[in-house]
PDB file of N, CA and C in Angstrom:
ATOM      1  N   MET A   1       1.832 -81.642 -36.931  1.00  0.00           N
ATOM      2  CA  MET A   1       3.038 -82.292 -37.422  1.00  0.00           C
ATOM      3  C   MET A   1       3.069 -83.759 -36.994  1.00  0.00           C
ATOM      4  N   LYS A   2       2.736 -84.004 -35.716  1.00  0.00           N
ATOM      5  CA  LYS A   2       2.779 -85.368 -35.210  1.00  0.00           C
ATOM      6  C   LYS A   2       1.766 -86.249 -35.949  1.00  0.00           C
ATOM      7  N   ARG A   3       0.571 -85.700 -36.203  1.00  0.00           N
ATOM      8  CA  ARG A   3      -0.451 -86.455 -36.914  1.00  0.00           C
ATOM      9  C   ARG A   3       0.003 -86.755 -38.345  1.00  0.00           C
ATOM     10  N   ALA A   4       0.643 -85.795 -38.978  1.00  0.00           N
ATOM     11  CA  ALA A   4       1.142 -86.002 -40.334  1.00  0.00           C
ATOM     12  C   ALA A   4       2.203 -87.092 -40.350  1.00  0.00           C
ATOM     13  N   LEU A   5       3.058 -87.098 -39.342  1.00  0.00           N
ATOM     14  CA  LEU A   5       4.097 -88.121 -39.244  1.00  0.00           C
ATOM     15  C   LEU A   5       3.464 -89.501 -39.072  1.00  0.00           C
ATOM     16  N   LEU A   6       2.483 -89.592 -38.177  1.00  0.00           N
ATOM     17  CA  LEU A   6       1.821 -90.875 -37.959  1.00  0.00           C
ATOM     18  C   LEU A   6       1.116 -91.359 -39.223  1.00  0.00           C
ATOM     19  N   THR A   7       0.496 -90.453 -39.929  1.00  0.00           N
ATOM     20  CA  THR A   7      -0.171 -90.823 -41.178  1.00  0.00           C
ATOM     21  C   THR A   7       0.845 -91.307 -42.205  1.00  0.00           C
ATOM     22  N   ALA A   8       1.973 -90.617 -42.304  1.00  0.00           N
ATOM     23  CA  ALA A   8       3.013 -91.023 -43.254  1.00  0.00           C
ATOM     24  C   ALA A   8       3.584 -92.390 -42.894  1.00  0.00           C
ATOM     25  N   VAL A   9       3.821 -92.620 -41.600  1.00  0.00           N
ATOM     26  CA  VAL A   9       4.357 -93.912 -41.161  1.00  0.00           C
ATOM     27  C   VAL A   9       3.343 -95.015 -41.433  1.00  0.00           C
ATOM     28  N   ALA A  10       2.075 -94.764 -41.130  1.00  0.00           N
ATOM     29  CA  ALA A  10       1.039 -95.778 -41.373  1.00  0.00           C
ATOM     30  C   ALA A  10       0.944 -96.106 -42.864  1.00  0.00           C
ATOM     31  N   ALA A  11       0.998 -95.096 -43.701  1.00  0.00           N
ATOM     32  CA  ALA A  11       0.955 -95.335 -45.141  1.00  0.00           C
ATOM     33  C   ALA A  11       2.171 -96.117 -45.597  1.00  0.00           C
ATOM     34  N   PHE A  12       3.298 -95.795 -45.016  1.00  0.00           N
ATOM     35  CA  PHE A  12       4.533 -96.488 -45.382  1.00  0.00           C
ATOM     36  C   PHE A  12       4.482 -97.949 -44.970  1.00  0.00           C
ATOM     37  N   ILE A  13       3.980 -98.216 -43.762  1.00  0.00           N
ATOM     38  CA  ILE A  13       3.918 -99.585 -43.252  1.00  0.00           C
ATOM     39  C   ILE A  13       3.093-100.468 -44.176  1.00  0.00           C
ATOM     40  N   THR A  14       1.977 -99.959 -44.629  1.00  0.00           N
ATOM     41  CA  THR A  14       1.115-100.774 -45.485  1.00  0.00           C
ATOM     42  C   THR A  14       1.768-101.077 -46.825  1.00  0.00           C
ATOM     43  N   GLY A  15       2.751-100.271 -47.205  1.00  0.00           N
ATOM     44  CA  GLY A  15       3.418-100.497 -48.476  1.00  0.00           C
ATOM     45  C   GLY A  15       4.735-101.246 -48.374  1.00  0.00           C
ATOM     46  N   LEU A  16       5.134-101.636 -47.176  1.00  0.00           N
ATOM     47  CA  LEU A  16       6.410-102.332 -47.026  1.00  0.00           C
ATOM     48  C   LEU A  16       6.369-103.717 -47.653  1.00  0.00           C
ATOM     49  N   PRO A  17       7.379-104.072 -48.394  1.00  0.00           N
ATOM     50  CA  PRO A  17       7.442-105.440 -48.892  1.00  0.00           C
ATOM     51  C   PRO A  17       7.735-106.400 -47.738  1.00  0.00           C
ATOM     52  N   ALA A  18       7.320-107.643 -47.886  1.00  0.00           N
ATOM     53  CA  ALA A  18       7.497-108.642 -46.830  1.00  0.00           C
ATOM     54  C   ALA A  18       8.956-108.786 -46.424  1.00  0.00           C
ATOM     55  N   ALA A  19       9.880-108.673 -47.348  1.00  0.00           N
ATOM     56  CA  ALA A  19      11.295-108.851 -47.030  1.00  0.00           C
ATOM     57  C   ALA A  19      11.789-107.802 -46.038  1.00  0.00           C
ATOM     58  N   ALA A  20      11.237-106.596 -46.096  1.00  0.00           N
ATOM     59  CA  ALA A  20      11.673-105.547 -45.176  1.00  0.00           C
ATOM     60  C   ALA A  20      11.344-105.900 -43.735  1.00  0.00           C
ATOM     61  N   TRP A  21      10.260-106.629 -43.526  1.00  0.00           N
ATOM     62  CA  TRP A  21       9.873-107.002 -42.168  1.00  0.00           C
ATOM     63  C   TRP A  21      10.846-108.009 -41.577  1.00  0.00           C
ATOM     64  N   CYS A  22      11.547-108.719 -42.397  1.00  0.00           N
ATOM     65  CA  CYS A  22      12.451-109.769 -41.926  1.00  0.00           C
ATOM     66  C   CYS A  22      13.894-109.300 -41.898  1.00  0.00           C
ATOM     67  N   ALA A  23      14.120-108.024 -42.014  1.00  0.00           N
ATOM     68  CA  ALA A  23      15.468-107.465 -42.139  1.00  0.00           C
ATOM     69  C   ALA A  23      16.505-108.238 -41.329  1.00  0.00           C
ATOM     70  N   ASP A  24      16.902-107.749 -40.187  1.00  0.00           N
ATOM     71  CA  ASP A  24      17.915-108.407 -39.374  1.00  0.00           C
ATOM     72  C   ASP A  24      17.325-108.930 -38.073  1.00  0.00           C
ATOM     73  N   TYR A  25      16.100-108.592 -37.803  1.00  0.00           N
ATOM     74  CA  TYR A  25      15.509-108.948 -36.522  1.00  0.00           C
ATOM     75  C   TYR A  25      14.109-109.461 -36.755  1.00  0.00           C
ATOM     76  N   ALA A  26      13.860-110.655 -36.311  1.00  0.00           N
ATOM     77  CA  ALA A  26      12.515-111.215 -36.395  1.00  0.00           C
ATOM     78  C   ALA A  26      11.941-111.258 -34.986  1.00  0.00           C
ATOM     79  N   PRO A  27      10.670-110.892 -34.816  1.00  0.00           N
ATOM     80  CA  PRO A  27      10.075-110.966 -33.488  1.00  0.00           C
ATOM     81  C   PRO A  27      10.153-112.390 -32.931  1.00  0.00           C
ATOM     82  N   LEU A  28      10.036-112.477 -31.635  1.00  0.00           N
ATOM     83  CA  LEU A  28      10.128-113.773 -30.962  1.00  0.00           C
ATOM     84  C   LEU A  28       9.094-114.767 -31.465  1.00  0.00           C
ATOM     85  N   ASP A  29       9.524-115.987 -31.630  1.00  0.00           N
ATOM     86  CA  ASP A  29       8.619-117.098 -31.895  1.00  0.00           C
ATOM     87  C   ASP A  29       8.447-117.796 -30.549  1.00  0.00           C
ATOM     88  N   CYS A  30       7.319-117.567 -29.896  1.00  0.00           N
ATOM     89  CA  CYS A  30       7.130-118.082 -28.538  1.00  0.00           C
ATOM     90  C   CYS A  30       7.150-119.603 -28.476  1.00  0.00           C
ATOM     91  N   ALA A  31       6.901-120.263 -29.578  1.00  0.00           N
ATOM     92  CA  ALA A  31       6.976-121.728 -29.589  1.00  0.00           C
ATOM     93  C   ALA A  31       8.430-122.187 -29.443  1.00  0.00           C
ATOM     94  N   LYS A  32       9.366-121.286 -29.745  1.00  0.00           N
ATOM     95  CA  LYS A  32      10.795-121.639 -29.669  1.00  0.00           C
ATOM     96  C   LYS A  32      11.524-120.871 -28.565  1.00  0.00           C
ATOM     97  N   ALA A  33      10.788-120.192 -27.687  1.00  0.00           N
ATOM     98  CA  ALA A  33      11.411-119.405 -26.622  1.00  0.00           C
ATOM     99  C   ALA A  33      12.242-120.316 -25.734  1.00  0.00           C
ATOM    100  N   GLN A  34      13.490-119.916 -25.486  1.00  0.00           N
ATOM    101  CA  GLN A  34      14.387-120.743 -24.689  1.00  0.00           C
ATOM    102  C   GLN A  34      14.924-120.018 -23.464  1.00  0.00           C
ATOM    103  N   SER A  35      15.378-118.795 -23.638  1.00  0.00           N
ATOM    104  CA  SER A  35      15.992-118.090 -22.516  1.00  0.00           C
ATOM    105  C   SER A  35      14.913-117.620 -21.539  1.00  0.00           C
ATOM    106  N   ALA A  36      15.338-117.294 -20.318  1.00  0.00           N
ATOM    107  CA  ALA A  36      14.407-116.787 -19.305  1.00  0.00           C
ATOM    108  C   ALA A  36      13.746-115.498 -19.775  1.00  0.00           C
ATOM    109  N   ALA A  37      14.501-114.646 -20.469  1.00  0.00           N
ATOM    110  CA  ALA A  37      13.944-113.393 -20.984  1.00  0.00           C
ATOM    111  C   ALA A  37      12.872-113.680 -22.034  1.00  0.00           C
ATOM    112  N   GLU A  38      13.148-114.566 -22.964  1.00  0.00           N
ATOM    113  CA  GLU A  38      12.184-114.898 -24.010  1.00  0.00           C
ATOM    114  C   GLU A  38      10.904-115.485 -23.416  1.00  0.00           C
ATOM    115  N   VAL A  39      11.050-116.384 -22.452  1.00  0.00           N
ATOM    116  CA  VAL A  39       9.877-116.996 -21.813  1.00  0.00           C
ATOM    117  C   VAL A  39       9.059-115.922 -21.098  1.00  0.00           C
ATOM    118  N   ALA A  40       9.718-115.020 -20.381  1.00  0.00           N
ATOM    119  CA  ALA A  40       9.011-113.948 -19.677  1.00  0.00           C
ATOM    120  C   ALA A  40       8.264-113.047 -20.655  1.00  0.00           C
ATOM    121  N   ILE A  41       8.886-112.741 -21.785  1.00  0.00           N
ATOM    122  CA  ILE A  41       8.254-111.894 -22.799  1.00  0.00           C
ATOM    123  C   ILE A  41       7.011-112.586 -23.348  1.00  0.00           C
ATOM    124  N   CYS A  42       7.119-113.874 -23.609  1.00  0.00           N
ATOM    125  CA  CYS A  42       5.993-114.620 -24.173  1.00  0.00           C
ATOM    126  C   CYS A  42       4.855-114.800 -23.174  1.00  0.00           C
ATOM    127  N   LYS A  43       5.162-114.787 -21.889  1.00  0.00           N
ATOM    128  CA  LYS A  43       4.131-114.988 -20.869  1.00  0.00           C
ATOM    129  C   LYS A  43       3.517-113.682 -20.361  1.00  0.00           C
ATOM    130  N   THR A  44       4.098-112.550 -20.738  1.00  0.00           N
ATOM    131  CA  THR A  44       3.646-111.255 -20.231  1.00  0.00           C
ATOM    132  C   THR A  44       3.109-110.427 -21.394  1.00  0.00           C
ATOM    133  N   TYR A  45       1.800-110.182 -21.372  1.00  0.00           N
ATOM    134  CA  TYR A  45       1.145-109.500 -22.481  1.00  0.00           C
ATOM    135  C   TYR A  45       1.826-108.177 -22.831  1.00  0.00           C
ATOM    136  N   SER A  46       2.096-107.334 -21.830  1.00  0.00           N
ATOM    137  CA  SER A  46       2.670-106.017 -22.121  1.00  0.00           C
ATOM    138  C   SER A  46       4.062-106.136 -22.755  1.00  0.00           C
ATOM    139  N   LEU A  47       4.824-107.137 -22.350  1.00  0.00           N
ATOM    140  CA  LEU A  47       6.140-107.341 -22.963  1.00  0.00           C
ATOM    141  C   LEU A  47       6.001-107.869 -24.384  1.00  0.00           C
ATOM    142  N   GLY A  48       5.022-108.721 -24.615  1.00  0.00           N
ATOM    143  CA  GLY A  48       4.768-109.195 -25.975  1.00  0.00           C
ATOM    144  C   GLY A  48       4.395-108.045 -26.898  1.00  0.00           C
ATOM    145  N   GLN A  49       3.580-107.129 -26.381  1.00  0.00           N
ATOM    146  CA  GLN A  49       3.206-105.955 -27.165  1.00  0.00           C
ATOM    147  C   GLN A  49       4.425-105.057 -27.420  1.00  0.00           C
ATOM    148  N   ALA A  50       5.272-104.915 -26.412  1.00  0.00           N
ATOM    149  CA  ALA A  50       6.486-104.114 -26.576  1.00  0.00           C
ATOM    150  C   ALA A  50       7.408-104.756 -27.612  1.00  0.00           C
ATOM    151  N   GLU A  51       7.501-106.079 -27.589  1.00  0.00           N
ATOM    152  CA  GLU A  51       8.311-106.807 -28.578  1.00  0.00           C
ATOM    153  C   GLU A  51       7.803-106.525 -29.987  1.00  0.00           C
ATOM    154  N   ALA A  52       6.490-106.598 -30.168  1.00  0.00           N
ATOM    155  CA  ALA A  52       5.906-106.353 -31.489  1.00  0.00           C
ATOM    156  C   ALA A  52       6.149-104.916 -31.942  1.00  0.00           C
ATOM    157  N   ARG A  53       5.982-103.978 -31.033  1.00  0.00           N
ATOM    158  CA  ARG A  53       6.194-102.572 -31.391  1.00  0.00           C
ATOM    159  C   ARG A  53       7.657-102.317 -31.740  1.00  0.00           C
ATOM    160  N   MET A  54       8.548-102.849 -30.913  1.00  0.00           N
ATOM    161  CA  MET A  54       9.970-102.651 -31.159  1.00  0.00           C
ATOM    162  C   MET A  54      10.373-103.262 -32.501  1.00  0.00           C
ATOM    163  N   ALA A  55       9.912-104.471 -32.781  1.00  0.00           N
ATOM    164  CA  ALA A  55      10.263-105.131 -34.042  1.00  0.00           C
ATOM    165  C   ALA A  55       9.732-104.343 -35.241  1.00  0.00           C
ATOM    166  N   THR A  56       8.536-103.790 -35.115  1.00  0.00           N
ATOM    167  CA  THR A  56       7.957-102.995 -36.200  1.00  0.00           C
ATOM    168  C   THR A  56       8.765-101.725 -36.428  1.00  0.00           C
ATOM    169  N   LEU A  57       9.082-101.026 -35.345  1.00  0.00           N
ATOM    170  CA  LEU A  57       9.886 -99.805 -35.472  1.00  0.00           C
ATOM    171  C   LEU A  57      11.260-100.106 -36.057  1.00  0.00           C
ATOM    172  N   TYR A  58      11.841-101.219 -35.652  1.00  0.00           N
ATOM    173  CA  TYR A  58      13.147-101.605 -36.178  1.00  0.00           C
ATOM    174  C   TYR A  58      13.058-101.810 -37.695  1.00  0.00           C
ATOM    175  N   ALA A  59      12.043-102.515 -38.143  1.00  0.00           N
ATOM    176  CA  ALA A  59      11.875-102.758 -39.580  1.00  0.00           C
ATOM    177  C   ALA A  59      11.664-101.452 -40.337  1.00  0.00           C
ATOM    178  N   ILE A  60      10.868-100.567 -39.774  1.00  0.00           N
ATOM    179  CA  ILE A  60      10.624 -99.275 -40.424  1.00  0.00           C
ATOM    180  C   ILE A  60      11.920 -98.480 -40.508  1.00  0.00           C
ATOM    181  N   ASP A  61      12.627 -98.391 -39.384  1.00  0.00           N
ATOM    182  CA  ASP A  61      13.889 -97.641 -39.369  1.00  0.00           C
ATOM    183  C   ASP A  61      14.867 -98.192 -40.400  1.00  0.00           C
ATOM    184  N   MET A  62      15.004 -99.506 -40.434  1.00  0.00           N
ATOM    185  CA  MET A  62      15.957-100.125 -41.354  1.00  0.00           C
ATOM    186  C   MET A  62      15.596 -99.862 -42.812  1.00  0.00           C
ATOM    187  N   SER A  63      14.321 -99.694 -43.084  1.00  0.00           N
ATOM    188  CA  SER A  63      13.922 -99.460 -44.469  1.00  0.00           C
ATOM    189  C   SER A  63      13.956 -97.982 -44.851  1.00  0.00           C
ATOM    190  N   LEU A  64      14.034 -97.087 -43.875  1.00  0.00           N
ATOM    191  CA  LEU A  64      14.016 -95.653 -44.161  1.00  0.00           C
ATOM    192  C   LEU A  64      15.391 -95.003 -44.248  1.00  0.00           C
ATOM    193  N   VAL A  65      16.388 -95.619 -43.640  1.00  0.00           N
ATOM    194  CA  VAL A  65      17.694 -94.957 -43.545  1.00  0.00           C
ATOM    195  C   VAL A  65      18.672 -95.485 -44.595  1.00  0.00           C
ATOM    196  N   ALA A  66      19.736 -94.738 -44.788  1.00  0.00           N
ATOM    197  CA  ALA A  66      20.781 -95.137 -45.726  1.00  0.00           C
ATOM    198  C   ALA A  66      21.575 -96.317 -45.163  1.00  0.00           C
ATOM    199  N   MET A  67      22.299 -96.984 -46.035  1.00  0.00           N
ATOM    200  CA  MET A  67      22.994 -98.212 -45.665  1.00  0.00           C
ATOM    201  C   MET A  67      23.931 -98.039 -44.467  1.00  0.00           C
ATOM    202  N   GLY A  68      24.686 -96.978 -44.410  1.00  0.00           N
ATOM    203  CA  GLY A  68      25.605 -96.763 -43.291  1.00  0.00           C
ATOM    204  C   GLY A  68      24.878 -96.690 -41.963  1.00  0.00           C
ATOM    205  N   GLN A  69      23.767 -96.004 -41.945  1.00  0.00           N
ATOM    206  CA  GLN A  69      22.993 -95.890 -40.710  1.00  0.00           C
ATOM    207  C   GLN A  69      22.314 -97.222 -40.373  1.00  0.00           C
ATOM    208  N   ARG A  70      21.981 -98.011 -41.395  1.00  0.00           N
ATOM    209  CA  ARG A  70      21.412 -99.350 -41.138  1.00  0.00           C
ATOM    210  C   ARG A  70      22.384-100.189 -40.322  1.00  0.00           C
ATOM    211  N   GLY A  71      23.660-100.105 -40.654  1.00  0.00           N
ATOM    212  CA  GLY A  71      24.668-100.848 -39.908  1.00  0.00           C
ATOM    213  C   GLY A  71      24.707-100.426 -38.455  1.00  0.00           C
ATOM    214  N   ASP A  72      24.612 -99.117 -38.217  1.00  0.00           N
ATOM    215  CA  ASP A  72      24.618 -98.610 -36.841  1.00  0.00           C
ATOM    216  C   ASP A  72      23.387 -99.090 -36.075  1.00  0.00           C
ATOM    217  N   ILE A  73      22.237 -99.048 -36.724  1.00  0.00           N
ATOM    218  CA  ILE A  73      21.000 -99.489 -36.072  1.00  0.00           C
ATOM    219  C   ILE A  73      21.060-100.986 -35.798  1.00  0.00           C
ATOM    220  N   GLY A  74      21.579-101.749 -36.751  1.00  0.00           N
ATOM    221  CA  GLY A  74      21.723-103.193 -36.555  1.00  0.00           C
ATOM    222  C   GLY A  74      22.685-103.528 -35.426  1.00  0.00           C
ATOM    223  N   ASP A  75      23.800-102.806 -35.350  1.00  0.00           N
ATOM    224  CA  ASP A  75      24.757-103.004 -34.257  1.00  0.00           C
ATOM    225  C   ASP A  75      24.106-102.694 -32.911  1.00  0.00           C
ATOM    226  N   ALA A  76      23.358-101.599 -32.861  1.00  0.00           N
ATOM    227  CA  ALA A  76      22.674-101.223 -31.621  1.00  0.00           C
ATOM    228  C   ALA A  76      21.631-102.266 -31.237  1.00  0.00           C
ATOM    229  N   GLN A  77      20.977-102.858 -32.238  1.00  0.00           N
ATOM    230  CA  GLN A  77      19.973-103.898 -31.963  1.00  0.00           C
ATOM    231  C   GLN A  77      20.638-105.136 -31.363  1.00  0.00           C
ATOM    232  N   ARG A  78      21.757-105.535 -31.923  1.00  0.00           N
ATOM    233  CA  ARG A  78      22.468-106.703 -31.385  1.00  0.00           C
ATOM    234  C   ARG A  78      22.937-106.440 -29.955  1.00  0.00           C
ATOM    235  N   GLN A  79      23.404-105.231 -29.690  1.00  0.00           N
ATOM    236  CA  GLN A  79      23.808-104.874 -28.329  1.00  0.00           C
ATOM    237  C   GLN A  79      22.597-104.870 -27.399  1.00  0.00           C
ATOM    238  N   TRP A  80      21.486-104.337 -27.887  1.00  0.00           N
ATOM    239  CA  TRP A  80      20.265-104.301 -27.083  1.00  0.00           C
ATOM    240  C   TRP A  80      19.799-105.719 -26.735  1.00  0.00           C
ATOM    241  N   LEU A  81      19.919-106.652 -27.673  1.00  0.00           N
ATOM    242  CA  LEU A  81      19.528-108.039 -27.391  1.00  0.00           C
ATOM    243  C   LEU A  81      20.329-108.607 -26.224  1.00  0.00           C
ATOM    244  N   LYS A  82      21.602-108.248 -26.138  1.00  0.00           N
ATOM    245  CA  LYS A  82      22.420-108.689 -24.999  1.00  0.00           C
ATOM    246  C   LYS A  82      21.893-108.078 -23.701  1.00  0.00           C
ATOM    247  N   THR A  83      21.504-106.818 -23.767  1.00  0.00           N
ATOM    248  CA  THR A  83      20.931-106.146 -22.596  1.00  0.00           C
ATOM    249  C   THR A  83      19.629-106.826 -22.187  1.00  0.00           C
ATOM    250  N   ARG A  84      18.787-107.113 -23.170  1.00  0.00           N
ATOM    251  CA  ARG A  84      17.513-107.789 -22.890  1.00  0.00           C
ATOM    252  C   ARG A  84      17.752-109.135 -22.231  1.00  0.00           C
ATOM    253  N   GLU A  85      18.672-109.911 -22.762  1.00  0.00           N
ATOM    254  CA  GLU A  85      18.946-111.236 -22.205  1.00  0.00           C
ATOM    255  C   GLU A  85      19.524-111.154 -20.795  1.00  0.00           C
ATOM    256  N   ALA A  86      20.271-110.089 -20.500  1.00  0.00           N
ATOM    257  CA  ALA A  86      20.842-109.909 -19.165  1.00  0.00           C
ATOM    258  C   ALA A  86      19.752-109.691 -18.115  1.00  0.00           C
ATOM    259  N   CYS A  87      18.577-109.280 -18.548  1.00  0.00           N
ATOM    260  CA  CYS A  87      17.459-109.089 -17.617  1.00  0.00           C
ATOM    261  C   CYS A  87      16.904-110.421 -17.113  1.00  0.00           C
ATOM    262  N   THR A  88      17.244-111.500 -17.777  1.00  0.00           N
ATOM    263  CA  THR A  88      16.661-112.828 -17.514  1.00  0.00           C
ATOM    264  C   THR A  88      15.141-112.680 -17.451  1.00  0.00           C
ATOM    265  N   GLY A  89      14.505-113.124 -16.387  1.00  0.00           N
ATOM    266  CA  GLY A  89      13.040-113.072 -16.308  1.00  0.00           C
ATOM    267  C   GLY A  89      12.499-111.886 -15.543  1.00  0.00           C
ATOM    268  N   ASP A  90      13.326-110.880 -15.263  1.00  0.00           N
ATOM    269  CA  ASP A  90      12.929-109.709 -14.482  1.00  0.00           C
ATOM    270  C   ASP A  90      12.036-108.796 -15.333  1.00  0.00           C
ATOM    271  N   ILE A  91      10.745-108.793 -15.028  1.00  0.00           N
ATOM    272  CA  ILE A  91       9.764-108.047 -15.825  1.00  0.00           C
ATOM    273  C   ILE A  91      10.077-106.548 -15.836  1.00  0.00           C
ATOM    274  N   ALA A  92      10.437-105.975 -14.695  1.00  0.00           N
ATOM    275  CA  ALA A  92      10.732-104.541 -14.634  1.00  0.00           C
ATOM    276  C   ALA A  92      11.943-104.203 -15.500  1.00  0.00           C
ATOM    277  N   CYS A  93      12.963-105.034 -15.433  1.00  0.00           N
ATOM    278  CA  CYS A  93      14.167-104.822 -16.241  1.00  0.00           C
ATOM    279  C   CYS A  93      13.832-104.924 -17.729  1.00  0.00           C
ATOM    280  N   LEU A  94      13.059-105.941 -18.097  1.00  0.00           N
ATOM    281  CA  LEU A  94      12.674-106.115 -19.496  1.00  0.00           C
ATOM    282  C   LEU A  94      11.818-104.943 -19.981  1.00  0.00           C
ATOM    283  N   SER A  95      10.894-104.489 -19.153  1.00  0.00           N
ATOM    284  CA  SER A  95      10.045-103.353 -19.523  1.00  0.00           C
ATOM    285  C   SER A  95      10.893-102.113 -19.791  1.00  0.00           C
ATOM    286  N   LYS A  96      11.866-101.861 -18.932  1.00  0.00           N
ATOM    287  CA  LYS A  96      12.753-100.709 -19.126  1.00  0.00           C
ATOM    288  C   LYS A  96      13.595-100.871 -20.383  1.00  0.00           C
ATOM    289  N   ALA A  97      14.096-102.074 -20.608  1.00  0.00           N
ATOM    290  CA  ALA A  97      14.908-102.314 -21.808  1.00  0.00           C
ATOM    291  C   ALA A  97      14.088-102.028 -23.064  1.00  0.00           C
ATOM    292  N   TYR A  98      12.853-102.519 -23.095  1.00  0.00           N
ATOM    293  CA  TYR A  98      12.002-102.260 -24.263  1.00  0.00           C
ATOM    294  C   TYR A  98      11.675-100.782 -24.391  1.00  0.00           C
ATOM    295  N   SER A  99      11.361-100.133 -23.283  1.00  0.00           N
ATOM    296  CA  SER A  99      11.042 -98.711 -23.324  1.00  0.00           C
ATOM    297  C   SER A  99      12.212 -97.902 -23.874  1.00  0.00           C
ATOM    298  N   ASP A 100      13.402 -98.220 -23.413  1.00  0.00           N
ATOM    299  CA  ASP A 100      14.594 -97.519 -23.897  1.00  0.00           C
ATOM    300  C   ASP A 100      14.803 -97.744 -25.393  1.00  0.00           C
ATOM    301  N   ARG A 101      14.693 -98.994 -25.835  1.00  0.00           N
ATOM    302  CA  ARG A 101      14.941 -99.299 -27.254  1.00  0.00           C
ATOM    303  C   ARG A 101      13.867 -98.696 -28.143  1.00  0.00           C
ATOM    304  N   ILE A 102      12.625 -98.761 -27.722  1.00  0.00           N
ATOM    305  CA  ILE A 102      11.538 -98.157 -28.500  1.00  0.00           C
ATOM    306  C   ILE A 102      11.771 -96.650 -28.615  1.00  0.00           C
ATOM    307  N   GLY A 103      12.224 -96.020 -27.546  1.00  0.00           N
ATOM    308  CA  GLY A 103      12.550 -94.589 -27.596  1.00  0.00           C
ATOM    309  C   GLY A 103      13.648 -94.291 -28.597  1.00  0.00           C
ATOM    310  N   GLN A 104      14.693 -95.133 -28.624  1.00  0.00           N
ATOM    311  CA  GLN A 104      15.786 -94.946 -29.578  1.00  0.00           C
ATOM    312  C   GLN A 104      15.289 -95.089 -31.014  1.00  0.00           C
ATOM    313  N   LEU A 105      14.463 -96.098 -31.248  1.00  0.00           N
ATOM    314  CA  LEU A 105      13.957 -96.333 -32.609  1.00  0.00           C
ATOM    315  C   LEU A 105      12.979 -95.243 -33.029  1.00  0.00           C
ATOM    316  N   ASN A 106      12.165 -94.756 -32.104  1.00  0.00           N
ATOM    317  CA  ASN A 106      11.272 -93.627 -32.401  1.00  0.00           C
ATOM    318  C   ASN A 106      12.073 -92.384 -32.746  1.00  0.00           C
ATOM    319  N   ALA A 107      13.211 -92.197 -32.086  1.00  0.00           N
ATOM    320  CA  ALA A 107      14.046 -91.021 -32.336  1.00  0.00           C
ATOM    321  C   ALA A 107      14.547 -90.997 -33.775  1.00  0.00           C
ATOM    322  N   VAL A 108      14.803 -92.154 -34.354  1.00  0.00           N
ATOM    323  CA  VAL A 108      15.246 -92.218 -35.753  1.00  0.00           C
ATOM    324  C   VAL A 108      14.147 -91.677 -36.661  1.00  0.00           C
ATOM    325  N   ILE A 109      12.917 -92.094 -36.424  1.00  0.00           N
ATOM    326  CA  ILE A 109      11.786 -91.633 -37.239  1.00  0.00           C
ATOM    327  C   ILE A 109      11.556 -90.135 -37.026  1.00  0.00           C
ATOM    328  N   THR A 110      11.648 -89.686 -35.797  1.00  0.00           N
ATOM    329  CA  THR A 110      11.467 -88.262 -35.490  1.00  0.00           C
ATOM    330  C   THR A 110      12.529 -87.432 -36.200  1.00  0.00           C
ATOM    331  N   ASP A 111      13.760 -87.930 -36.228  1.00  0.00           N
ATOM    332  CA  ASP A 111      14.827 -87.215 -36.914  1.00  0.00           C
ATOM    333  C   ASP A 111      14.553 -87.118 -38.412  1.00  0.00           C
ATOM    334  N   ILE A 112      14.098 -88.197 -38.987  1.00  0.00           N
ATOM    335  CA  ILE A 112      13.781 -88.193 -40.415  1.00  0.00           C
ATOM    336  C   ILE A 112      12.637 -87.209 -40.682  1.00  0.00           C
ATOM    337  N   ALA A 113      11.601 -87.271 -39.846  1.00  0.00           N
ATOM    338  CA  ALA A 113      10.441 -86.396 -40.032  1.00  0.00           C
ATOM    339  C   ALA A 113      10.803 -84.922 -39.864  1.00  0.00           C
ATOM    340  N   SER A 114      11.777 -84.636 -39.020  1.00  0.00           N
ATOM    341  CA  SER A 114      12.162 -83.237 -38.785  1.00  0.00           C
ATOM    342  C   SER A 114      12.792 -82.605 -40.021  1.00  0.00           C
ATOM    343  N   ARG A 115      13.261 -83.446 -40.918  1.00  0.00           N
ATOM    344  CA  ARG A 115      13.891 -82.924 -42.139  1.00  0.00           C
ATOM    345  C   ARG A 115      12.906 -82.794 -43.285  1.00  0.00           C
ATOM    346  N   GLY A 116      11.644 -83.302 -43.096  1.00  0.00           N
ATOM    347  CA  GLY A 116      10.518 -83.184 -44.025  1.00  0.00           C
ATOM    348  C   GLY A 116      10.951 -82.912 -45.474  1.00  0.00           C
ATOM    349  N   PRO A 117      10.137 -82.378 -46.296  1.00  0.00           N
ATOM    350  CA  PRO A 117       8.763 -81.940 -46.091  1.00  0.00           C
ATOM    351  C   PRO A 117       7.762 -83.078 -46.282  1.00  0.00           C
ATOM    352  N   TYR A 118       6.605 -82.917 -45.692  1.00  0.00           N
ATOM    353  CA  TYR A 118       5.516 -83.891 -45.850  1.00  0.00           C
ATOM    354  C   TYR A 118       4.291 -83.224 -46.350  1.00  0.00           C
TER     355      TYR A 118
END
């Protein structure tokens, strides 16, 4: 089941239109990083990777769910950004924030997949 889900997500990603990637959240542009959190993310490889993964999952979630749920996910993303910024440059805090958000976004995909069929 997990392999089928990953295959379906990978196939879906390759078919996403460019506009879906720019939904409500664009990954960090390190050339424009200003806050302590943004600078720490840009300077720390694992946080940069977490940023990319989170942004990808966010785009996928936003394109898979109905409009009402998109609003909820967008609201949660804006709240999460406040949490991320509150970490300032604390790598451990930022890592936990990303781990938590990635888990939440993965849960949306898992919920969709549980209703199948594939």
